């Protein structure tokens, strides 16, 4: 396939690109930081330096593209206005350009945080059709972007596929260790639905090449959510340290998703069905 990719310098994109190249796909990537372009050019990626909100020739750059995979996003460390520009406006601009260039498929990376955990959350794993209750700015911008892209799908025929990822980890990604201070405020029995980078890439590839799924949304996660207690213990915390953790009430289904749809429709099967299987394979 001819793939146009955003967010290649991020945690997901930087691990997805080599897999695309290994499978013989042609990759064109938009990069804002020119100093990082050479790394991808050495892999054979055609690099376009620019910004999604500033590139007037975006539609021409998309000519001949089979699928756009939109990974670029702002998560932490930016103000609300910047997050909206990056996560909402840029997504709409890219999708509009894809429509102008008649790109048949558009894959959008979202998050299972869109479901939220407040009052009214279902007493079961979250399903794609559930009401969204995002609790803070990042998933709120993802919900807004999803809604805008779905409108473009309904009104103009955007070949949209949305993937809502669990907590991404693996392949030397420091995501878990970066998140431990936040998890220290959680009940130790709370579970986290995770997804390894290998399975993120698997899901992206399936969504990118499958026909007949336009407008569909898929939860992406492994088969075995892990408790906060397990994650802390696996990262060297002692019993004494763990007994100091807060034990506030929590929704046991928060951050747990139903993956039936992606299994049945895209034949997704996790390469690493649990954090333990990734650890035992040396893939952390």
C-alpha atoms as a PDB file:
ATOM      1  CA  UNK A   1       0.000   0.000   0.000  1.00  0.00           C
ATOM      2  CA  UNK A   2       0.907   3.646  -0.338  1.00  0.00           C
ATOM      3  CA  UNK A   3       0.573   4.890   3.255  1.00  0.00           C
ATOM      4  CA  UNK A   4       0.536   8.505   4.440  1.00  0.00           C
ATOM      5  CA  UNK A   5       1.457   8.667   8.104  1.00  0.00           C
ATOM      6  CA  UNK A   6       1.414  11.373  10.764  1.00  0.00           C
ATOM      7  CA  UNK A   7       2.969  11.190  14.208  1.00  0.00           C
ATOM      8  CA  UNK A   8       5.947   9.105  13.090  1.00  0.00           C
ATOM      9  CA  UNK A   9       8.231  10.608  15.734  1.00  0.00           C
ATOM     10  CA  UNK A  10       5.860   9.595  18.550  1.00  0.00           C
ATOM     11  CA  UNK A  11       5.848   6.422  20.590  1.00  0.00           C
ATOM     12  CA  UNK A  12       3.424   4.571  18.331  1.00  0.00           C
ATOM     13  CA  UNK A  13       4.556   5.983  15.001  1.00  0.00           C
ATOM     14  CA  UNK A  14       8.272   5.360  15.533  1.00  0.00           C
ATOM     15  CA  UNK A  15       7.545   1.672  16.144  1.00  0.00           C
ATOM     16  CA  UNK A  16       4.930   1.347  13.431  1.00  0.00           C
ATOM     17  CA  UNK A  17       7.079   2.718  10.586  1.00  0.00           C
ATOM     18  CA  UNK A  18       9.687  -0.109  10.616  1.00  0.00           C
ATOM     19  CA  UNK A  19       6.891  -2.682  10.516  1.00  0.00           C
ATOM     20  CA  UNK A  20       5.340  -0.993   7.493  1.00  0.00           C
ATOM     21  CA  UNK A  21       8.682  -0.893   5.713  1.00  0.00           C
ATOM     22  CA  UNK A  22       9.429  -4.535   6.546  1.00  0.00           C
ATOM     23  CA  UNK A  23       6.157  -5.518   4.889  1.00  0.00           C
ATOM     24  CA  UNK A  24       7.057  -3.665   1.704  1.00  0.00           C
ATOM     25  CA  UNK A  25       4.630  -0.759   1.991  1.00  0.00           C
ATOM     26  CA  UNK A  26       5.502   2.666   0.605  1.00  0.00           C
ATOM     27  CA  UNK A  27       5.439   5.219   3.397  1.00  0.00           C
ATOM     28  CA  UNK A  28       5.137   8.975   3.135  1.00  0.00           C
ATOM     29  CA  UNK A  29       5.321  10.831   6.453  1.00  0.00           C
ATOM     30  CA  UNK A  30       4.700  14.390   7.552  1.00  0.00           C
ATOM     31  CA  UNK A  31       7.240  15.610  10.142  1.00  0.00           C
ATOM     32  CA  UNK A  32       7.310  19.013  11.813  1.00  0.00           C
ATOM     33  CA  UNK A  33      10.846  18.703  13.220  1.00  0.00           C
ATOM     34  CA  UNK A  34      13.270  18.621  10.287  1.00  0.00           C
ATOM     35  CA  UNK A  35      16.092  17.428  12.555  1.00  0.00           C
ATOM     36  CA  UNK A  36      14.312  14.076  12.927  1.00  0.00           C
ATOM     37  CA  UNK A  37      13.712  13.513   9.223  1.00  0.00           C
ATOM     38  CA  UNK A  38      16.998  11.742   8.424  1.00  0.00           C
ATOM     39  CA  UNK A  39      16.211   8.823  10.742  1.00  0.00           C
ATOM     40  CA  UNK A  40      13.142   7.972   8.704  1.00  0.00           C
ATOM     41  CA  UNK A  41      14.681   8.804   5.346  1.00  0.00           C
ATOM     42  CA  UNK A  42      17.333   6.174   6.067  1.00  0.00           C
ATOM     43  CA  UNK A  43      14.523   3.627   6.414  1.00  0.00           C
ATOM     44  CA  UNK A  44      13.205   4.581   2.983  1.00  0.00           C
ATOM     45  CA  UNK A  45      10.391   6.843   4.133  1.00  0.00           C
ATOM     46  CA  UNK A  46       9.483   9.805   1.929  1.00  0.00           C
ATOM     47  CA  UNK A  47       9.464  12.706   4.363  1.00  0.00           C
ATOM     48  CA  UNK A  48       7.369  15.856   4.003  1.00  0.00           C
ATOM     49  CA  UNK A  49       8.389  18.623   6.377  1.00  0.00           C
ATOM     50  CA  UNK A  50       5.451  20.679   7.556  1.00  0.00           C
ATOM     51  CA  UNK A  51       2.444  21.084   9.791  1.00  0.00           C
ATOM     52  CA  UNK A  52      -1.059  19.788   9.126  1.00  0.00           C
ATOM     53  CA  UNK A  53      -2.515  23.243   9.769  1.00  0.00           C
ATOM     54  CA  UNK A  54      -0.009  25.097   7.603  1.00  0.00           C
ATOM     55  CA  UNK A  55       0.541  22.889   4.571  1.00  0.00           C
ATOM     56  CA  UNK A  56      -1.432  24.326   1.652  1.00  0.00           C
ATOM     57  CA  UNK A  57      -0.315  21.549  -0.673  1.00  0.00           C
ATOM     58  CA  UNK A  58      -1.475  18.736   1.606  1.00  0.00           C
ATOM     59  CA  UNK A  59      -4.035  17.401  -0.860  1.00  0.00           C
ATOM     60  CA  UNK A  60      -1.407  17.148  -3.602  1.00  0.00           C
ATOM     61  CA  UNK A  61       0.916  15.310  -1.193  1.00  0.00           C
ATOM     62  CA  UNK A  62      -1.865  12.774  -0.663  1.00  0.00           C
ATOM     63  CA  UNK A  63      -2.332  11.993  -4.356  1.00  0.00           C
ATOM     64  CA  UNK A  64      -1.962   8.267  -4.998  1.00  0.00           C
ATOM     65  CA  UNK A  65      -2.330   7.376  -1.324  1.00  0.00           C
ATOM     66  CA  UNK A  66      -4.237   4.209  -0.409  1.00  0.00           C
ATOM     67  CA  UNK A  67      -4.632   4.982   3.282  1.00  0.00           C
ATOM     68  CA  UNK A  68      -3.950   7.802   5.732  1.00  0.00           C
ATOM     69  CA  UNK A  69      -2.973   6.667   9.229  1.00  0.00           C
ATOM     70  CA  UNK A  70      -3.353   9.625  11.579  1.00  0.00           C
ATOM     71  CA  UNK A  71      -1.374   9.122  14.800  1.00  0.00           C
ATOM     72  CA  UNK A  72      -0.240  12.670  15.578  1.00  0.00           C
ATOM     73  CA  UNK A  73      -1.690  14.095  18.806  1.00  0.00           C
ATOM     74  CA  UNK A  74      -0.846  16.200  21.827  1.00  0.00           C
ATOM     75  CA  UNK A  75      -1.328  14.395  25.133  1.00  0.00           C
ATOM     76  CA  UNK A  76       0.380  16.076  28.082  1.00  0.00           C
ATOM     77  CA  UNK A  77       2.302  19.297  28.622  1.00  0.00           C
ATOM     78  CA  UNK A  78       0.363  21.613  26.325  1.00  0.00           C
ATOM     79  CA  UNK A  79      -2.386  24.140  26.982  1.00  0.00           C
ATOM     80  CA  UNK A  80      -6.004  23.516  26.041  1.00  0.00           C
ATOM     81  CA  UNK A  81      -5.891  25.719  22.933  1.00  0.00           C
ATOM     82  CA  UNK A  82      -2.847  23.878  21.555  1.00  0.00           C
ATOM     83  CA  UNK A  83      -4.444  20.517  22.281  1.00  0.00           C
ATOM     84  CA  UNK A  84      -7.585  21.519  20.380  1.00  0.00           C
ATOM     85  CA  UNK A  85      -5.577  22.753  17.390  1.00  0.00           C
ATOM     86  CA  UNK A  86      -3.462  19.605  17.259  1.00  0.00           C
ATOM     87  CA  UNK A  87      -6.068  16.979  18.100  1.00  0.00           C
ATOM     88  CA  UNK A  88      -9.230  18.421  16.532  1.00  0.00           C
ATOM     89  CA  UNK A  89      -8.456  21.053  13.894  1.00  0.00           C
ATOM     90  CA  UNK A  90      -5.471  19.192  12.435  1.00  0.00           C
ATOM     91  CA  UNK A  91      -7.477  15.968  12.211  1.00  0.00           C
ATOM     92  CA  UNK A  92     -10.269  17.729  10.323  1.00  0.00           C
ATOM     93  CA  UNK A  93      -7.768  19.435   8.000  1.00  0.00           C
ATOM     94  CA  UNK A  94      -6.075  16.133   7.175  1.00  0.00           C
ATOM     95  CA  UNK A  95      -9.364  14.326   6.604  1.00  0.00           C
ATOM     96  CA  UNK A  96     -10.622  17.126   4.339  1.00  0.00           C
ATOM     97  CA  UNK A  97      -7.410  16.928   2.318  1.00  0.00           C
ATOM     98  CA  UNK A  98      -7.799  13.146   2.101  1.00  0.00           C
ATOM     99  CA  UNK A  99     -11.293  13.641   0.693  1.00  0.00           C
ATOM    100  CA  UNK A 100      -9.994  16.152  -1.855  1.00  0.00           C
ATOM    101  CA  UNK A 101      -7.310  13.677  -2.900  1.00  0.00           C
ATOM    102  CA  UNK A 102      -9.840  10.811  -3.025  1.00  0.00           C
ATOM    103  CA  UNK A 103      -7.924   8.696  -0.516  1.00  0.00           C
ATOM    104  CA  UNK A 104     -10.145   5.634   0.066  1.00  0.00           C
ATOM    105  CA  UNK A 105      -9.252   4.840   3.694  1.00  0.00           C
ATOM    106  CA  UNK A 106      -8.534   6.986   6.770  1.00  0.00           C
ATOM    107  CA  UNK A 107      -7.417   5.408  10.083  1.00  0.00           C
ATOM    108  CA  UNK A 108      -7.726   7.550  13.206  1.00  0.00           C
ATOM    109  CA  UNK A 109      -5.950   6.651  16.445  1.00  0.00           C
ATOM    110  CA  UNK A 110      -8.059   7.358  19.520  1.00  0.00           C
ATOM    111  CA  UNK A 111      -8.070   6.136  23.131  1.00  0.00           C
ATOM    112  CA  UNK A 112     -10.223   4.085  25.486  1.00  0.00           C
ATOM    113  CA  UNK A 113     -10.133   7.098  27.824  1.00  0.00           C
ATOM    114  CA  UNK A 114     -13.044   8.496  25.819  1.00  0.00           C
ATOM    115  CA  UNK A 115     -15.400   6.267  27.819  1.00  0.00           C
ATOM    116  CA  UNK A 116     -14.641   7.926  31.142  1.00  0.00           C
ATOM    117  CA  UNK A 117     -15.488   6.484  34.549  1.00  0.00           C
ATOM    118  CA  UNK A 118     -18.099   8.792  36.035  1.00  0.00           C
ATOM    119  CA  UNK A 119     -21.723   8.294  36.992  1.00  0.00           C
ATOM    120  CA  UNK A 120     -23.659   6.358  34.406  1.00  0.00           C
ATOM    121  CA  UNK A 121     -20.732   4.240  33.233  1.00  0.00           C
ATOM    122  CA  UNK A 122     -21.930   0.695  32.398  1.00  0.00           C
ATOM    123  CA  UNK A 123     -21.389  -2.165  34.838  1.00  0.00           C
ATOM    124  CA  UNK A 124     -19.385  -4.092  32.221  1.00  0.00           C
ATOM    125  CA  UNK A 125     -16.501  -3.509  29.807  1.00  0.00           C
ATOM    126  CA  UNK A 126     -17.027  -0.465  27.573  1.00  0.00           C
ATOM    127  CA  UNK A 127     -18.339  -1.117  24.069  1.00  0.00           C
ATOM    128  CA  UNK A 128     -17.875   1.024  20.995  1.00  0.00           C
ATOM    129  CA  UNK A 129     -21.509   2.152  20.922  1.00  0.00           C
ATOM    130  CA  UNK A 130     -21.547   3.315  24.568  1.00  0.00           C
ATOM    131  CA  UNK A 131     -22.074   6.941  25.538  1.00  0.00           C
ATOM    132  CA  UNK A 132     -18.737   8.756  25.847  1.00  0.00           C
ATOM    133  CA  UNK A 133     -17.930  10.547  29.127  1.00  0.00           C
ATOM    134  CA  UNK A 134     -14.325  11.787  28.826  1.00  0.00           C
ATOM    135  CA  UNK A 135     -13.063  13.145  32.113  1.00  0.00           C
ATOM    136  CA  UNK A 136     -10.200  15.457  31.115  1.00  0.00           C
ATOM    137  CA  UNK A 137      -8.974  17.503  28.122  1.00  0.00           C
ATOM    138  CA  UNK A 138      -7.033  14.881  26.138  1.00  0.00           C
ATOM    139  CA  UNK A 139      -9.894  12.379  25.681  1.00  0.00           C
ATOM    140  CA  UNK A 140     -12.322  15.291  25.329  1.00  0.00           C
ATOM    141  CA  UNK A 141     -10.404  16.463  22.256  1.00  0.00           C
ATOM    142  CA  UNK A 142     -10.356  12.902  20.927  1.00  0.00           C
ATOM    143  CA  UNK A 143     -14.130  12.665  21.277  1.00  0.00           C
ATOM    144  CA  UNK A 144     -14.551  15.964  19.428  1.00  0.00           C
ATOM    145  CA  UNK A 145     -12.224  14.755  16.657  1.00  0.00           C
ATOM    146  CA  UNK A 146     -14.054  11.427  16.385  1.00  0.00           C
ATOM    147  CA  UNK A 147     -17.398  13.225  16.067  1.00  0.00           C
ATOM    148  CA  UNK A 148     -16.078  15.599  13.389  1.00  0.00           C
ATOM    149  CA  UNK A 149     -14.546  12.745  11.385  1.00  0.00           C
ATOM    150  CA  UNK A 150     -17.703  10.661  11.644  1.00  0.00           C
ATOM    151  CA  UNK A 151     -19.652  13.611  10.220  1.00  0.00           C
ATOM    152  CA  UNK A 152     -17.228  13.724   7.288  1.00  0.00           C
ATOM    153  CA  UNK A 153     -17.780  10.005   6.835  1.00  0.00           C
ATOM    154  CA  UNK A 154     -21.581  10.344   6.820  1.00  0.00           C
ATOM    155  CA  UNK A 155     -21.791  13.531   4.752  1.00  0.00           C
ATOM    156  CA  UNK A 156     -18.857  13.231   2.350  1.00  0.00           C
ATOM    157  CA  UNK A 157     -17.861   9.581   2.335  1.00  0.00           C
ATOM    158  CA  UNK A 158     -14.617   9.658   4.318  1.00  0.00           C
ATOM    159  CA  UNK A 159     -13.390   6.051   4.522  1.00  0.00           C
ATOM    160  CA  UNK A 160     -12.975   6.329   8.270  1.00  0.00           C
ATOM    161  CA  UNK A 161     -11.876   3.660  10.733  1.00  0.00           C
ATOM    162  CA  UNK A 162     -11.383   4.622  14.414  1.00  0.00           C
ATOM    163  CA  UNK A 163      -9.186   2.619  16.780  1.00  0.00           C
ATOM    164  CA  UNK A 164      -9.537   3.226  20.518  1.00  0.00           C
ATOM    165  CA  UNK A 165      -6.345   1.963  22.124  1.00  0.00           C
ATOM    166  CA  UNK A 166      -5.848   0.749  25.671  1.00  0.00           C
ATOM    167  CA  UNK A 167      -2.738   1.680  27.650  1.00  0.00           C
ATOM    168  CA  UNK A 168       0.131   1.272  25.169  1.00  0.00           C
ATOM    169  CA  UNK A 169       3.407  -0.276  26.349  1.00  0.00           C
ATOM    170  CA  UNK A 170       6.387  -2.420  25.328  1.00  0.00           C
ATOM    171  CA  UNK A 171       9.533  -2.257  23.199  1.00  0.00           C
ATOM    172  CA  UNK A 172      11.367   0.026  25.661  1.00  0.00           C
ATOM    173  CA  UNK A 173       8.521   2.537  25.758  1.00  0.00           C
ATOM    174  CA  UNK A 174       8.760   4.307  29.165  1.00  0.00           C
ATOM    175  CA  UNK A 175       4.988   4.850  29.249  1.00  0.00           C
ATOM    176  CA  UNK A 176       4.393   2.566  32.250  1.00  0.00           C
ATOM    177  CA  UNK A 177       7.178   3.997  34.413  1.00  0.00           C
ATOM    178  CA  UNK A 178       6.096   7.530  33.472  1.00  0.00           C
ATOM    179  CA  UNK A 179       2.573   6.700  34.604  1.00  0.00           C
ATOM    180  CA  UNK A 180       3.434   5.014  37.923  1.00  0.00           C
ATOM    181  CA  UNK A 181       3.230   8.289  39.922  1.00  0.00           C
ATOM    182  CA  UNK A 182      -0.349   8.764  38.692  1.00  0.00           C
ATOM    183  CA  UNK A 183      -1.242   5.157  39.453  1.00  0.00           C
ATOM    184  CA  UNK A 184       0.111   5.569  42.998  1.00  0.00           C
ATOM    185  CA  UNK A 185      -3.104   7.469  43.746  1.00  0.00           C
ATOM    186  CA  UNK A 186      -5.276   4.557  42.609  1.00  0.00           C
ATOM    187  CA  UNK A 187      -6.668   1.574  44.470  1.00  0.00           C
ATOM    188  CA  UNK A 188      -4.268  -1.359  44.125  1.00  0.00           C
ATOM    189  CA  UNK A 189      -7.106  -3.590  42.924  1.00  0.00           C
ATOM    190  CA  UNK A 190      -7.931  -1.283  39.995  1.00  0.00           C
ATOM    191  CA  UNK A 191      -7.206  -2.897  36.625  1.00  0.00           C
ATOM    192  CA  UNK A 192      -5.667  -1.395  33.507  1.00  0.00           C
ATOM    193  CA  UNK A 193      -6.441  -2.694  30.022  1.00  0.00           C
ATOM    194  CA  UNK A 194      -3.185  -2.616  28.086  1.00  0.00           C
ATOM    195  CA  UNK A 195      -2.012  -3.190  24.520  1.00  0.00           C
ATOM    196  CA  UNK A 196       1.534  -3.929  23.363  1.00  0.00           C
ATOM    197  CA  UNK A 197       3.113  -1.942  20.538  1.00  0.00           C
ATOM    198  CA  UNK A 198       3.187  -5.089  18.391  1.00  0.00           C
ATOM    199  CA  UNK A 199      -0.582  -5.340  18.716  1.00  0.00           C
ATOM    200  CA  UNK A 200      -1.090  -1.611  18.161  1.00  0.00           C
ATOM    201  CA  UNK A 201       0.720  -2.082  14.848  1.00  0.00           C
ATOM    202  CA  UNK A 202      -1.299  -5.216  14.102  1.00  0.00           C
ATOM    203  CA  UNK A 203      -4.555  -3.324  14.626  1.00  0.00           C
ATOM    204  CA  UNK A 204      -3.389  -0.367  12.536  1.00  0.00           C
ATOM    205  CA  UNK A 205      -2.436  -2.648   9.658  1.00  0.00           C
ATOM    206  CA  UNK A 206      -5.737  -4.521   9.806  1.00  0.00           C
ATOM    207  CA  UNK A 207      -7.726  -1.289   9.822  1.00  0.00           C
ATOM    208  CA  UNK A 208      -5.588   0.147   7.027  1.00  0.00           C
ATOM    209  CA  UNK A 209      -6.052  -2.697   4.573  1.00  0.00           C
ATOM    210  CA  UNK A 210      -9.542  -4.032   5.327  1.00  0.00           C
ATOM    211  CA  UNK A 211     -12.388  -3.190   2.969  1.00  0.00           C
ATOM    212  CA  UNK A 212     -16.032  -2.734   3.928  1.00  0.00           C
ATOM    213  CA  UNK A 213     -15.523  -1.288   7.419  1.00  0.00           C
ATOM    214  CA  UNK A 214     -15.880   2.437   6.758  1.00  0.00           C
ATOM    215  CA  UNK A 215     -17.362   4.308   9.701  1.00  0.00           C
ATOM    216  CA  UNK A 216     -16.568   1.552  12.183  1.00  0.00           C
ATOM    217  CA  UNK A 217     -14.965   1.980  15.614  1.00  0.00           C
ATOM    218  CA  UNK A 218     -12.840  -0.672  17.306  1.00  0.00           C
ATOM    219  CA  UNK A 219     -11.541  -1.102  20.844  1.00  0.00           C
ATOM    220  CA  UNK A 220      -7.963  -2.382  20.843  1.00  0.00           C
ATOM    221  CA  UNK A 221      -6.543  -4.099  23.923  1.00  0.00           C
ATOM    222  CA  UNK A 222      -5.056  -7.363  25.135  1.00  0.00           C
ATOM    223  CA  UNK A 223      -6.923 -10.310  26.669  1.00  0.00           C
ATOM    224  CA  UNK A 224      -5.909  -9.849  30.297  1.00  0.00           C
ATOM    225  CA  UNK A 225      -6.175  -6.509  32.123  1.00  0.00           C
ATOM    226  CA  UNK A 226      -3.578  -6.157  34.865  1.00  0.00           C
ATOM    227  CA  UNK A 227      -4.009  -4.722  38.360  1.00  0.00           C
ATOM    228  CA  UNK A 228      -2.168  -1.689  39.656  1.00  0.00           C
ATOM    229  CA  UNK A 229      -0.703  -3.895  42.380  1.00  0.00           C
ATOM    230  CA  UNK A 230       0.806  -6.237  39.798  1.00  0.00           C
ATOM    231  CA  UNK A 231       2.332  -3.400  37.815  1.00  0.00           C
ATOM    232  CA  UNK A 232       3.941  -1.888  40.901  1.00  0.00           C
ATOM    233  CA  UNK A 233       5.286  -5.250  42.026  1.00  0.00           C
ATOM    234  CA  UNK A 234       6.656  -6.009  38.566  1.00  0.00           C
ATOM    235  CA  UNK A 235       8.475  -2.676  38.706  1.00  0.00           C
ATOM    236  CA  UNK A 236      10.255  -3.489  41.956  1.00  0.00           C
ATOM    237  CA  UNK A 237       7.979  -2.032  44.618  1.00  0.00           C
ATOM    238  CA  UNK A 238       8.023  -3.795  47.997  1.00  0.00           C
ATOM    239  CA  UNK A 239       5.145  -4.874  50.219  1.00  0.00           C
ATOM    240  CA  UNK A 240       5.849  -1.980  52.562  1.00  0.00           C
ATOM    241  CA  UNK A 241       5.652   0.520  49.732  1.00  0.00           C
ATOM    242  CA  UNK A 242       2.432  -1.007  48.438  1.00  0.00           C
ATOM    243  CA  UNK A 243       0.680  -0.911  51.821  1.00  0.00           C
ATOM    244  CA  UNK A 244       0.975   2.875  51.701  1.00  0.00           C
ATOM    245  CA  UNK A 245      -1.081   3.105  48.507  1.00  0.00           C
ATOM    246  CA  UNK A 246      -4.459   4.790  48.648  1.00  0.00           C
ATOM    247  CA  UNK A 247      -7.486   2.503  48.764  1.00  0.00           C
ATOM    248  CA  UNK A 248     -10.313   4.748  47.566  1.00  0.00           C
ATOM    249  CA  UNK A 249     -13.439   3.392  45.904  1.00  0.00           C
ATOM    250  CA  UNK A 250     -13.328   2.800  42.154  1.00  0.00           C
ATOM    251  CA  UNK A 251     -15.400   1.474  39.288  1.00  0.00           C
ATOM    252  CA  UNK A 252     -14.023  -2.029  38.544  1.00  0.00           C
ATOM    253  CA  UNK A 253     -14.925  -1.596  34.851  1.00  0.00           C
ATOM    254  CA  UNK A 254     -13.123   1.727  34.422  1.00  0.00           C
ATOM    255  CA  UNK A 255     -10.551   1.497  31.580  1.00  0.00           C
ATOM    256  CA  UNK A 256     -11.716  -2.029  30.681  1.00  0.00           C
ATOM    257  CA  UNK A 257     -13.039  -2.478  27.142  1.00  0.00           C
ATOM    258  CA  UNK A 258     -14.860  -5.115  25.125  1.00  0.00           C
ATOM    259  CA  UNK A 259     -12.733  -6.268  22.166  1.00  0.00           C
ATOM    260  CA  UNK A 260     -15.343  -8.555  20.600  1.00  0.00           C
ATOM    261  CA  UNK A 261     -15.867  -6.351  17.537  1.00  0.00           C
ATOM    262  CA  UNK A 262     -12.229  -6.172  16.410  1.00  0.00           C
ATOM    263  CA  UNK A 263     -11.791  -9.897  17.020  1.00  0.00           C
ATOM    264  CA  UNK A 264     -14.852 -10.840  14.989  1.00  0.00           C
ATOM    265  CA  UNK A 265     -14.634  -8.265  12.184  1.00  0.00           C
ATOM    266  CA  UNK A 266     -10.863  -7.855  11.718  1.00  0.00           C
ATOM    267  CA  UNK A 267      -9.710 -11.236  13.084  1.00  0.00           C
ATOM    268  CA  UNK A 268      -7.477  -9.435  15.600  1.00  0.00           C
ATOM    269  CA  UNK A 269      -5.686 -11.766  18.008  1.00  0.00           C
ATOM    270  CA  UNK A 270      -3.151 -10.240  20.410  1.00  0.00           C
ATOM    271  CA  UNK A 271       0.431 -11.284  19.785  1.00  0.00           C
ATOM    272  CA  UNK A 272       0.967 -10.529  23.478  1.00  0.00           C
ATOM    273  CA  UNK A 273      -2.320 -11.403  25.225  1.00  0.00           C
ATOM    274  CA  UNK A 274      -1.020 -10.151  28.573  1.00  0.00           C
ATOM    275  CA  UNK A 275       1.692  -8.005  30.139  1.00  0.00           C
ATOM    276  CA  UNK A 276       3.199 -11.224  31.507  1.00  0.00           C
ATOM    277  CA  UNK A 277       3.474 -12.802  28.065  1.00  0.00           C
ATOM    278  CA  UNK A 278       5.325  -9.737  26.798  1.00  0.00           C
ATOM    279  CA  UNK A 279       7.623  -9.803  29.817  1.00  0.00           C
ATOM    280  CA  UNK A 280       8.373 -13.507  29.353  1.00  0.00           C
ATOM    281  CA  UNK A 281       9.166 -12.905  25.668  1.00  0.00           C
ATOM    282  CA  UNK A 282      11.586 -10.070  26.531  1.00  0.00           C
ATOM    283  CA  UNK A 283       9.371  -7.587  24.691  1.00  0.00           C
ATOM    284  CA  UNK A 284       8.979  -4.956  27.392  1.00  0.00           C
END
